[in-house]
Amino acid sequence: MKIYATSVTLCLAACLFCAVHASALSYANNITIYDGSGYTGLGTGGEDRETEPGMVNSQVWDLEAFYQQHNSLTMVGGFNFKNGVSGYPTFTSGDIFLDTNGSYGASQAPAGYIPKTGNSIVSGSFGYEYVLDLNFTNLTYLVYRLDTADVKTITAYYPQNEIPDNVLDPAANPWLYLSGGTMIGSGSIDYAAGLADAAVGGLVGGIHYAAGVDLSFLDPAQQFVAHFTMGCGNDNLMGRGTTAPVPEPATMMLFGSGIFGLAAMQRRKFRKK
């Protein structure tokens, strides 16, 4: 019976792992929203090959799209998320910030904050409730709930996306998580480089990079806004989506019957032995 129980446990674990991992990078459902702070029209679609104010007009600097399938979130760009841009120390990846209450961006800047050139440390999260603290060196991340008063973040270098007279502009900030909040989970980044246009849902530019994370730590059917930028802040990627709903009872019954079927087959084999 110990062998039988262990086999069932392993089958269940394997099925669950495959179900999550297989959809980590997906380009089927584009949830990108216009970030309110840039120019459009270089490619097809509102965000494809978008150029922000003061930004270099080339694919290498470009953040293109957020895609979502179930609880997997994938970001795509001509920008090299893992290595940044050679020779430009401010062109490195930031972290993925998540809003879940519809209030985020420039209008939620910390009290007394004044946009200025430089990567400045500030107290506050610009209205975001969660952050995925990305580590592209070992392709892992930590998840923090930004629910304490001691949260500190780092702003993007250039302030050109923070328009003083437009409080609806979500802006490029924040760039990086620094400290504070409550750590609630961790995960692995799925990463792909050198992708062709056709491989990433028809985006244009020739060479693309993709990074995928898991949003299962959020509540089921949770609406969210995702935000990502580089250290320069010239281009900020925004997406709006909803996490997967709670599985219906019929779906769970079907999954359970499949597991019990595997268990029965395993038990019969064990008895024959």
C-alpha atoms as a PDB file:
ATOM      1  CA  MET A   1       0.000   0.000   0.000  1.00  0.00           C
ATOM      2  CA  LYS A   2       2.921   2.342   0.573  1.00  0.00           C
ATOM      3  CA  ILE A   3       4.051   1.839  -3.019  1.00  0.00           C
ATOM      4  CA  TYR A   4       0.502   2.431  -4.233  1.00  0.00           C
ATOM      5  CA  ALA A   5       0.091   5.645  -2.218  1.00  0.00           C
ATOM      6  CA  THR A   6       3.486   6.931  -3.310  1.00  0.00           C
ATOM      7  CA  SER A   7       2.685   6.254  -6.964  1.00  0.00           C
ATOM      8  CA  VAL A   8      -0.578   8.160  -6.744  1.00  0.00           C
ATOM      9  CA  THR A   9       1.156  11.089  -5.058  1.00  0.00           C
ATOM     10  CA  LEU A  10       3.860  11.186  -7.711  1.00  0.00           C
ATOM     11  CA  CYS A  11       1.277  11.008 -10.515  1.00  0.00           C
ATOM     12  CA  LEU A  12      -0.692  13.872  -8.986  1.00  0.00           C
ATOM     13  CA  ALA A  13       2.424  15.989  -8.483  1.00  0.00           C
ATOM     14  CA  ALA A  14       3.615  15.338 -12.027  1.00  0.00           C
ATOM     15  CA  CYS A  15       0.237  16.251 -13.522  1.00  0.00           C
ATOM     16  CA  LEU A  16       0.035  19.472 -11.530  1.00  0.00           C
ATOM     17  CA  PHE A  17       3.619  20.430 -12.435  1.00  0.00           C
ATOM     18  CA  CYS A  18       3.059  19.848 -16.137  1.00  0.00           C
ATOM     19  CA  ALA A  19      -0.212  21.807 -16.095  1.00  0.00           C
ATOM     20  CA  VAL A  20       1.493  24.875 -14.635  1.00  0.00           C
ATOM     21  CA  HIS A  21       4.868  24.725 -16.356  1.00  0.00           C
ATOM     22  CA  ALA A  22       3.598  24.022 -19.874  1.00  0.00           C
ATOM     23  CA  SER A  23       1.803  27.372 -20.148  1.00  0.00           C
ATOM     24  CA  ALA A  24       4.534  29.539 -18.590  1.00  0.00           C
ATOM     25  CA  LEU A  25       5.343  31.208 -21.926  1.00  0.00           C
ATOM     26  CA  SER A  26       2.286  31.901 -24.041  1.00  0.00           C
ATOM     27  CA  TYR A  27       1.557  34.451 -26.757  1.00  0.00           C
ATOM     28  CA  ALA A  28      -2.149  33.805 -27.350  1.00  0.00           C
ATOM     29  CA  ASN A  29      -3.885  36.490 -25.259  1.00  0.00           C
ATOM     30  CA  ASN A  30      -2.445  39.995 -25.540  1.00  0.00           C
ATOM     31  CA  ILE A  31      -3.457  42.048 -22.468  1.00  0.00           C
ATOM     32  CA  THR A  32      -1.232  45.071 -23.188  1.00  0.00           C
ATOM     33  CA  ILE A  33      -2.731  48.484 -22.488  1.00  0.00           C
ATOM     34  CA  TYR A  34      -1.519  51.823 -23.782  1.00  0.00           C
ATOM     35  CA  ASP A  35       0.594  53.232 -20.969  1.00  0.00           C
ATOM     36  CA  GLY A  36      -0.476  56.820 -21.575  1.00  0.00           C
ATOM     37  CA  SER A  37       3.045  58.159 -21.905  1.00  0.00           C
ATOM     38  CA  GLY A  38       4.373  57.522 -25.368  1.00  0.00           C
ATOM     39  CA  TYR A  39       4.064  57.656 -29.118  1.00  0.00           C
ATOM     40  CA  THR A  40       2.520  54.939 -31.259  1.00  0.00           C
ATOM     41  CA  GLY A  41       2.494  53.930 -34.888  1.00  0.00           C
ATOM     42  CA  LEU A  42       5.985  52.545 -35.587  1.00  0.00           C
ATOM     43  CA  GLY A  43       4.601  49.035 -35.944  1.00  0.00           C
ATOM     44  CA  THR A  44       1.193  47.403 -35.914  1.00  0.00           C
ATOM     45  CA  GLY A  45      -1.014  47.956 -32.892  1.00  0.00           C
ATOM     46  CA  GLY A  46      -1.004  50.580 -30.180  1.00  0.00           C
ATOM     47  CA  GLU A  47       2.010  49.258 -28.260  1.00  0.00           C
ATOM     48  CA  ASP A  48       3.958  47.245 -30.807  1.00  0.00           C
ATOM     49  CA  ARG A  49       7.352  48.904 -31.272  1.00  0.00           C
ATOM     50  CA  GLU A  50       6.131  51.908 -29.334  1.00  0.00           C
ATOM     51  CA  THR A  51       8.647  54.675 -28.760  1.00  0.00           C
ATOM     52  CA  GLU A  52       8.454  56.689 -25.564  1.00  0.00           C
ATOM     53  CA  PRO A  53       9.505  60.370 -25.306  1.00  0.00           C
ATOM     54  CA  GLY A  54      13.278  60.735 -25.542  1.00  0.00           C
ATOM     55  CA  MET A  55      13.776  57.087 -26.435  1.00  0.00           C
ATOM     56  CA  VAL A  56      15.988  55.670 -29.176  1.00  0.00           C
ATOM     57  CA  ASN A  57      14.030  54.616 -32.267  1.00  0.00           C
ATOM     58  CA  SER A  58      15.134  50.992 -32.554  1.00  0.00           C
ATOM     59  CA  GLN A  59      13.923  47.516 -31.676  1.00  0.00           C
ATOM     60  CA  VAL A  60      16.672  46.913 -29.115  1.00  0.00           C
ATOM     61  CA  TRP A  61      15.127  49.386 -26.632  1.00  0.00           C
ATOM     62  CA  ASP A  62      11.546  48.290 -27.120  1.00  0.00           C
ATOM     63  CA  LEU A  63       9.035  46.775 -24.683  1.00  0.00           C
ATOM     64  CA  GLU A  64       6.178  45.330 -26.689  1.00  0.00           C
ATOM     65  CA  ALA A  65       3.509  43.252 -24.986  1.00  0.00           C
ATOM     66  CA  PHE A  66       2.118  41.460 -21.956  1.00  0.00           C
ATOM     67  CA  TYR A  67       0.419  38.129 -22.664  1.00  0.00           C
ATOM     68  CA  GLN A  68      -1.641  36.071 -20.221  1.00  0.00           C
ATOM     69  CA  GLN A  69      -2.907  32.490 -20.252  1.00  0.00           C
ATOM     70  CA  HIS A  70      -4.609  31.217 -17.102  1.00  0.00           C
ATOM     71  CA  ASN A  71      -2.212  32.364 -14.346  1.00  0.00           C
ATOM     72  CA  SER A  72       0.880  32.644 -16.536  1.00  0.00           C
ATOM     73  CA  LEU A  73       2.063  36.157 -17.414  1.00  0.00           C
ATOM     74  CA  THR A  74       4.542  36.640 -20.275  1.00  0.00           C
ATOM     75  CA  MET A  75       6.263  39.888 -21.254  1.00  0.00           C
ATOM     76  CA  VAL A  76       7.869  40.338 -24.670  1.00  0.00           C
ATOM     77  CA  GLY A  77      10.235  42.939 -26.070  1.00  0.00           C
ATOM     78  CA  GLY A  78      13.128  43.619 -28.372  1.00  0.00           C
ATOM     79  CA  PHE A  79      14.816  44.582 -25.106  1.00  0.00           C
ATOM     80  CA  ASN A  80      17.064  41.872 -23.636  1.00  0.00           C
ATOM     81  CA  PHE A  81      15.452  41.300 -20.233  1.00  0.00           C
ATOM     82  CA  LYS A  82      18.299  39.117 -18.993  1.00  0.00           C
ATOM     83  CA  ASN A  83      21.402  41.022 -20.121  1.00  0.00           C
ATOM     84  CA  GLY A  84      20.139  44.561 -20.665  1.00  0.00           C
ATOM     85  CA  VAL A  85      21.872  46.688 -23.289  1.00  0.00           C
ATOM     86  CA  SER A  86      25.652  46.548 -23.549  1.00  0.00           C
ATOM     87  CA  GLY A  87      27.321  49.871 -22.709  1.00  0.00           C
ATOM     88  CA  TYR A  88      24.214  51.373 -21.083  1.00  0.00           C
ATOM     89  CA  PRO A  89      24.162  50.617 -17.337  1.00  0.00           C
ATOM     90  CA  THR A  90      20.768  52.285 -16.848  1.00  0.00           C
ATOM     91  CA  PHE A  91      19.178  49.978 -19.456  1.00  0.00           C
ATOM     92  CA  THR A  92      18.637  46.978 -17.171  1.00  0.00           C
ATOM     93  CA  SER A  93      15.431  45.180 -16.235  1.00  0.00           C
ATOM     94  CA  GLY A  94      13.326  46.274 -13.315  1.00  0.00           C
ATOM     95  CA  ASP A  95      10.683  44.293 -11.432  1.00  0.00           C
ATOM     96  CA  ILE A  96       7.054  43.463 -12.239  1.00  0.00           C
ATOM     97  CA  PHE A  97       4.661  45.502 -10.087  1.00  0.00           C
ATOM     98  CA  LEU A  98       0.989  44.518  -9.782  1.00  0.00           C
ATOM     99  CA  ASP A  99      -2.025  46.667  -8.909  1.00  0.00           C
ATOM    100  CA  THR A 100      -5.212  44.982  -7.735  1.00  0.00           C
ATOM    101  CA  ASN A 101      -7.442  47.884  -6.661  1.00  0.00           C
ATOM    102  CA  GLY A 102      -7.384  50.116  -9.757  1.00  0.00           C
ATOM    103  CA  SER A 103      -5.275  52.892  -8.228  1.00  0.00           C
ATOM    104  CA  TYR A 104      -1.668  53.135  -9.395  1.00  0.00           C
ATOM    105  CA  GLY A 105       0.932  55.279 -11.152  1.00  0.00           C
ATOM    106  CA  ALA A 106       1.903  58.931 -11.068  1.00  0.00           C
ATOM    107  CA  SER A 107      -1.205  59.967  -9.157  1.00  0.00           C
ATOM    108  CA  GLN A 108      -0.153  57.589  -6.351  1.00  0.00           C
ATOM    109  CA  ALA A 109       3.415  58.885  -6.014  1.00  0.00           C
ATOM    110  CA  PRO A 110       4.784  59.092  -2.454  1.00  0.00           C
ATOM    111  CA  ALA A 111       3.987  62.283  -0.567  1.00  0.00           C
ATOM    112  CA  GLY A 112       6.463  65.014  -1.424  1.00  0.00           C
ATOM    113  CA  TYR A 113       7.934  63.127  -4.378  1.00  0.00           C
ATOM    114  CA  ILE A 114       9.228  65.377  -7.173  1.00  0.00           C
ATOM    115  CA  PRO A 115      10.306  63.769 -10.471  1.00  0.00           C
ATOM    116  CA  LYS A 116      14.015  64.218 -11.145  1.00  0.00           C
ATOM    117  CA  THR A 117      16.784  62.638 -13.172  1.00  0.00           C
ATOM    118  CA  GLY A 118      18.443  59.713 -11.419  1.00  0.00           C
ATOM    119  CA  ASN A 119      17.556  56.355  -9.885  1.00  0.00           C
ATOM    120  CA  SER A 120      16.263  57.651  -6.553  1.00  0.00           C
ATOM    121  CA  ILE A 121      15.212  55.636  -3.498  1.00  0.00           C
ATOM    122  CA  VAL A 122      11.715  56.592  -2.342  1.00  0.00           C
ATOM    123  CA  SER A 123       9.365  55.437   0.413  1.00  0.00           C
ATOM    124  CA  GLY A 124       6.300  53.991  -1.274  1.00  0.00           C
ATOM    125  CA  SER A 125       5.129  51.774  -4.115  1.00  0.00           C
ATOM    126  CA  PHE A 126       3.265  54.258  -6.373  1.00  0.00           C
ATOM    127  CA  GLY A 127       0.018  52.455  -5.546  1.00  0.00           C
ATOM    128  CA  TYR A 128       1.040  48.915  -6.490  1.00  0.00           C
ATOM    129  CA  GLU A 129       0.015  46.145  -4.067  1.00  0.00           C
ATOM    130  CA  TYR A 130       2.464  43.414  -5.127  1.00  0.00           C
ATOM    131  CA  VAL A 131       5.875  43.063  -6.730  1.00  0.00           C
ATOM    132  CA  LEU A 132       7.727  40.186  -8.348  1.00  0.00           C
ATOM    133  CA  ASP A 133      11.341  40.860  -7.409  1.00  0.00           C
ATOM    134  CA  LEU A 134      13.063  39.468 -10.518  1.00  0.00           C
ATOM    135  CA  ASN A 135      16.546  37.946 -10.527  1.00  0.00           C
ATOM    136  CA  PHE A 136      17.601  37.371 -14.124  1.00  0.00           C
ATOM    137  CA  THR A 137      21.015  36.056 -13.070  1.00  0.00           C
ATOM    138  CA  ASN A 138      19.559  32.801 -11.795  1.00  0.00           C
ATOM    139  CA  LEU A 139      16.087  33.206 -13.401  1.00  0.00           C
ATOM    140  CA  THR A 140      14.141  33.246 -10.130  1.00  0.00           C
ATOM    141  CA  TYR A 141      11.891  35.735  -8.350  1.00  0.00           C
ATOM    142  CA  LEU A 142      10.437  36.488  -4.936  1.00  0.00           C
ATOM    143  CA  VAL A 143       6.873  37.715  -4.454  1.00  0.00           C
ATOM    144  CA  TYR A 144       6.194  40.503  -1.946  1.00  0.00           C
ATOM    145  CA  ARG A 145       2.909  41.960  -0.784  1.00  0.00           C
ATOM    146  CA  LEU A 146       3.578  45.686  -0.409  1.00  0.00           C
ATOM    147  CA  ASP A 147       1.509  45.990   2.748  1.00  0.00           C
ATOM    148  CA  THR A 148       3.849  47.633   5.271  1.00  0.00           C
ATOM    149  CA  ALA A 149       4.792  51.249   5.915  1.00  0.00           C
ATOM    150  CA  ASP A 150       8.501  50.627   5.338  1.00  0.00           C
ATOM    151  CA  VAL A 151       8.245  49.753   1.617  1.00  0.00           C
ATOM    152  CA  LYS A 152      11.001  51.363  -0.467  1.00  0.00           C
ATOM    153  CA  THR A 153      11.318  51.357  -4.247  1.00  0.00           C
ATOM    154  CA  ILE A 154      13.758  52.843  -6.762  1.00  0.00           C
ATOM    155  CA  THR A 155      12.596  55.193  -9.489  1.00  0.00           C
ATOM    156  CA  ALA A 156      13.515  55.130 -13.166  1.00  0.00           C
ATOM    157  CA  TYR A 157      16.403  57.343 -14.284  1.00  0.00           C
ATOM    158  CA  TYR A 158      14.644  59.734 -16.655  1.00  0.00           C
ATOM    159  CA  PRO A 159      11.534  61.638 -15.517  1.00  0.00           C
ATOM    160  CA  GLN A 160      10.199  62.417 -19.016  1.00  0.00           C
ATOM    161  CA  ASN A 161       7.226  60.082 -18.632  1.00  0.00           C
ATOM    162  CA  GLU A 162       6.010  61.809 -15.466  1.00  0.00           C
ATOM    163  CA  ILE A 163       3.961  64.682 -16.821  1.00  0.00           C
ATOM    164  CA  PRO A 164       3.191  67.089 -13.919  1.00  0.00           C
ATOM    165  CA  ASP A 165      -0.141  68.289 -15.317  1.00  0.00           C
ATOM    166  CA  ASN A 166      -1.424  64.817 -16.223  1.00  0.00           C
ATOM    167  CA  VAL A 167      -2.184  62.844 -13.049  1.00  0.00           C
ATOM    168  CA  LEU A 168      -3.739  60.028 -15.104  1.00  0.00           C
ATOM    169  CA  ASP A 169      -0.378  59.234 -16.677  1.00  0.00           C
ATOM    170  CA  PRO A 170       0.752  55.935 -15.079  1.00  0.00           C
ATOM    171  CA  ALA A 171       4.405  56.913 -15.628  1.00  0.00           C
ATOM    172  CA  ALA A 172       7.440  54.640 -15.651  1.00  0.00           C
ATOM    173  CA  ASN A 173       7.747  54.376 -11.880  1.00  0.00           C
ATOM    174  CA  PRO A 174       8.596  52.443  -9.913  1.00  0.00           C
ATOM    175  CA  TRP A 175      11.558  50.662 -11.513  1.00  0.00           C
ATOM    176  CA  LEU A 176      12.903  48.344  -8.786  1.00  0.00           C
ATOM    177  CA  TYR A 177      11.711  46.937  -5.478  1.00  0.00           C
ATOM    178  CA  LEU A 178      14.220  47.670  -2.700  1.00  0.00           C
ATOM    179  CA  SER A 179      12.812  46.570   0.668  1.00  0.00           C
ATOM    180  CA  GLY A 180       9.785  46.236   2.939  1.00  0.00           C
ATOM    181  CA  GLY A 181       6.498  44.421   2.591  1.00  0.00           C
ATOM    182  CA  THR A 182       5.777  40.758   3.246  1.00  0.00           C
ATOM    183  CA  MET A 183       7.336  37.946   1.239  1.00  0.00           C
ATOM    184  CA  ILE A 184       4.585  35.486   0.258  1.00  0.00           C
ATOM    185  CA  GLY A 185       6.162  33.264  -2.377  1.00  0.00           C
ATOM    186  CA  SER A 186       8.804  32.554  -4.978  1.00  0.00           C
ATOM    187  CA  GLY A 187       9.122  31.106  -8.461  1.00  0.00           C
ATOM    188  CA  SER A 188      11.210  30.509 -11.565  1.00  0.00           C
ATOM    189  CA  ILE A 189      11.358  32.788 -14.600  1.00  0.00           C
ATOM    190  CA  ASP A 190      10.777  31.063 -17.928  1.00  0.00           C
ATOM    191  CA  TYR A 191      13.020  32.792 -20.439  1.00  0.00           C
ATOM    192  CA  ALA A 192      13.464  32.680 -24.211  1.00  0.00           C
ATOM    193  CA  ALA A 193      15.730  34.712 -26.517  1.00  0.00           C
ATOM    194  CA  GLY A 194      16.080  35.221 -30.268  1.00  0.00           C
ATOM    195  CA  LEU A 195      12.384  34.693 -31.021  1.00  0.00           C
ATOM    196  CA  ALA A 196      11.038  35.465 -34.503  1.00  0.00           C
ATOM    197  CA  ASP A 197       8.006  37.664 -35.164  1.00  0.00           C
ATOM    198  CA  ALA A 198       5.703  34.711 -35.819  1.00  0.00           C
ATOM    199  CA  ALA A 199       6.678  33.058 -32.533  1.00  0.00           C
ATOM    200  CA  VAL A 200       5.428  35.945 -30.365  1.00  0.00           C
ATOM    201  CA  GLY A 201       1.950  36.509 -31.700  1.00  0.00           C
ATOM    202  CA  GLY A 202       2.913  38.481 -34.803  1.00  0.00           C
ATOM    203  CA  LEU A 203       4.826  41.361 -33.205  1.00  0.00           C
ATOM    204  CA  VAL A 204       7.322  42.995 -35.569  1.00  0.00           C
ATOM    205  CA  GLY A 205      11.011  43.722 -35.261  1.00  0.00           C
ATOM    206  CA  GLY A 206      12.776  40.459 -36.058  1.00  0.00           C
ATOM    207  CA  ILE A 207      14.322  39.514 -32.717  1.00  0.00           C
ATOM    208  CA  HIS A 208      12.373  39.230 -29.485  1.00  0.00           C
ATOM    209  CA  TYR A 209      12.923  38.171 -25.880  1.00  0.00           C
ATOM    210  CA  ALA A 210      10.310  36.737 -23.516  1.00  0.00           C
ATOM    211  CA  ALA A 211      10.079  36.235 -19.752  1.00  0.00           C
ATOM    212  CA  GLY A 212       7.265  34.384 -17.994  1.00  0.00           C
ATOM    213  CA  VAL A 213       6.081  34.296 -14.371  1.00  0.00           C
ATOM    214  CA  ASP A 214       3.225  32.688 -12.418  1.00  0.00           C
ATOM    215  CA  LEU A 215       0.412  34.749 -10.846  1.00  0.00           C
ATOM    216  CA  SER A 216      -1.186  31.933  -8.859  1.00  0.00           C
ATOM    217  CA  PHE A 217      -0.482  33.791  -5.610  1.00  0.00           C
ATOM    218  CA  LEU A 218      -3.274  36.236  -6.490  1.00  0.00           C
ATOM    219  CA  ASP A 219      -6.901  35.429  -5.689  1.00  0.00           C
ATOM    220  CA  PRO A 220      -8.913  33.544  -8.358  1.00  0.00           C
ATOM    221  CA  ALA A 221     -10.671  35.853 -10.838  1.00  0.00           C
ATOM    222  CA  GLN A 222      -8.609  38.802  -9.540  1.00  0.00           C
ATOM    223  CA  GLN A 223      -8.390  41.780 -11.882  1.00  0.00           C
ATOM    224  CA  PHE A 224      -4.902  43.266 -12.033  1.00  0.00           C
ATOM    225  CA  VAL A 225      -2.666  45.757 -13.815  1.00  0.00           C
ATOM    226  CA  ALA A 226       0.948  44.740 -14.444  1.00  0.00           C
ATOM    227  CA  HIS A 227       3.801  47.225 -14.827  1.00  0.00           C
ATOM    228  CA  PHE A 228       7.436  46.795 -15.927  1.00  0.00           C
ATOM    229  CA  THR A 229      10.180  49.163 -17.044  1.00  0.00           C
ATOM    230  CA  MET A 230      13.949  49.352 -17.501  1.00  0.00           C
ATOM    231  CA  GLY A 231      16.274  51.448 -15.352  1.00  0.00           C
ATOM    232  CA  CYS A 232      16.106  54.333 -17.808  1.00  0.00           C
ATOM    233  CA  GLY A 233      12.308  54.455 -17.710  1.00  0.00           C
ATOM    234  CA  ASN A 234      12.090  55.410 -21.373  1.00  0.00           C
ATOM    235  CA  ASP A 235       9.610  52.654 -22.088  1.00  0.00           C
ATOM    236  CA  ASN A 236       7.145  51.178 -19.612  1.00  0.00           C
ATOM    237  CA  LEU A 237       5.087  48.098 -20.286  1.00  0.00           C
ATOM    238  CA  MET A 238       1.528  47.921 -18.933  1.00  0.00           C
ATOM    239  CA  GLY A 239      -1.025  45.110 -19.048  1.00  0.00           C
ATOM    240  CA  ARG A 240      -4.537  44.527 -17.701  1.00  0.00           C
ATOM    241  CA  GLY A 241      -5.881  41.041 -17.042  1.00  0.00           C
ATOM    242  CA  THR A 242      -7.810  38.704 -14.741  1.00  0.00           C
ATOM    243  CA  THR A 243      -6.444  35.601 -13.058  1.00  0.00           C
ATOM    244  CA  ALA A 244      -7.998  32.194 -13.656  1.00  0.00           C
ATOM    245  CA  PRO A 245     -11.337  31.540 -11.903  1.00  0.00           C
ATOM    246  CA  VAL A 246     -11.914  28.809  -9.350  1.00  0.00           C
ATOM    247  CA  PRO A 247     -12.221  25.468 -11.243  1.00  0.00           C
ATOM    248  CA  GLU A 248     -15.820  24.326 -11.663  1.00  0.00           C
ATOM    249  CA  PRO A 249     -16.892  21.232  -9.657  1.00  0.00           C
ATOM    250  CA  ALA A 250     -17.361  19.225 -12.866  1.00  0.00           C
ATOM    251  CA  THR A 251     -13.780  19.962 -13.899  1.00  0.00           C
ATOM    252  CA  MET A 252     -12.438  18.892 -10.513  1.00  0.00           C
ATOM    253  CA  MET A 253     -14.508  15.687 -10.637  1.00  0.00           C
ATOM    254  CA  LEU A 254     -13.123  14.864 -14.075  1.00  0.00           C
ATOM    255  CA  PHE A 255      -9.574  15.485 -12.879  1.00  0.00           C
ATOM    256  CA  GLY A 256     -10.207  13.382  -9.756  1.00  0.00           C
ATOM    257  CA  SER A 257     -11.639  10.492 -11.749  1.00  0.00           C
ATOM    258  CA  GLY A 258      -8.533  10.492 -13.913  1.00  0.00           C
ATOM    259  CA  ILE A 259      -6.277  10.280 -10.849  1.00  0.00           C
ATOM    260  CA  PHE A 260      -8.358   7.452  -9.376  1.00  0.00           C
ATOM    261  CA  GLY A 261      -8.175   5.619 -12.697  1.00  0.00           C
ATOM    262  CA  LEU A 262      -4.396   5.837 -12.655  1.00  0.00           C
ATOM    263  CA  ALA A 263      -4.399   4.667  -9.051  1.00  0.00           C
ATOM    264  CA  ALA A 264      -6.541   1.641  -9.885  1.00  0.00           C
ATOM    265  CA  MET A 265      -4.254   0.656 -12.743  1.00  0.00           C
ATOM    266  CA  GLN A 266      -1.227   0.978 -10.480  1.00  0.00           C
ATOM    267  CA  ARG A 267      -2.874  -1.134  -7.759  1.00  0.00           C
ATOM    268  CA  ARG A 268      -3.727  -3.913 -10.225  1.00  0.00           C
ATOM    269  CA  LYS A 269      -0.130  -3.980 -11.450  1.00  0.00           C
ATOM    270  CA  PHE A 270       1.134  -4.137  -7.865  1.00  0.00           C
ATOM    271  CA  ARG A 271      -1.174  -7.065  -7.010  1.00  0.00           C
ATOM    272  CA  LYS A 272       0.009  -9.034 -10.034  1.00  0.00           C
ATOM    273  CA  LYS A 273       3.596  -8.592  -8.901  1.00  0.00           C
END
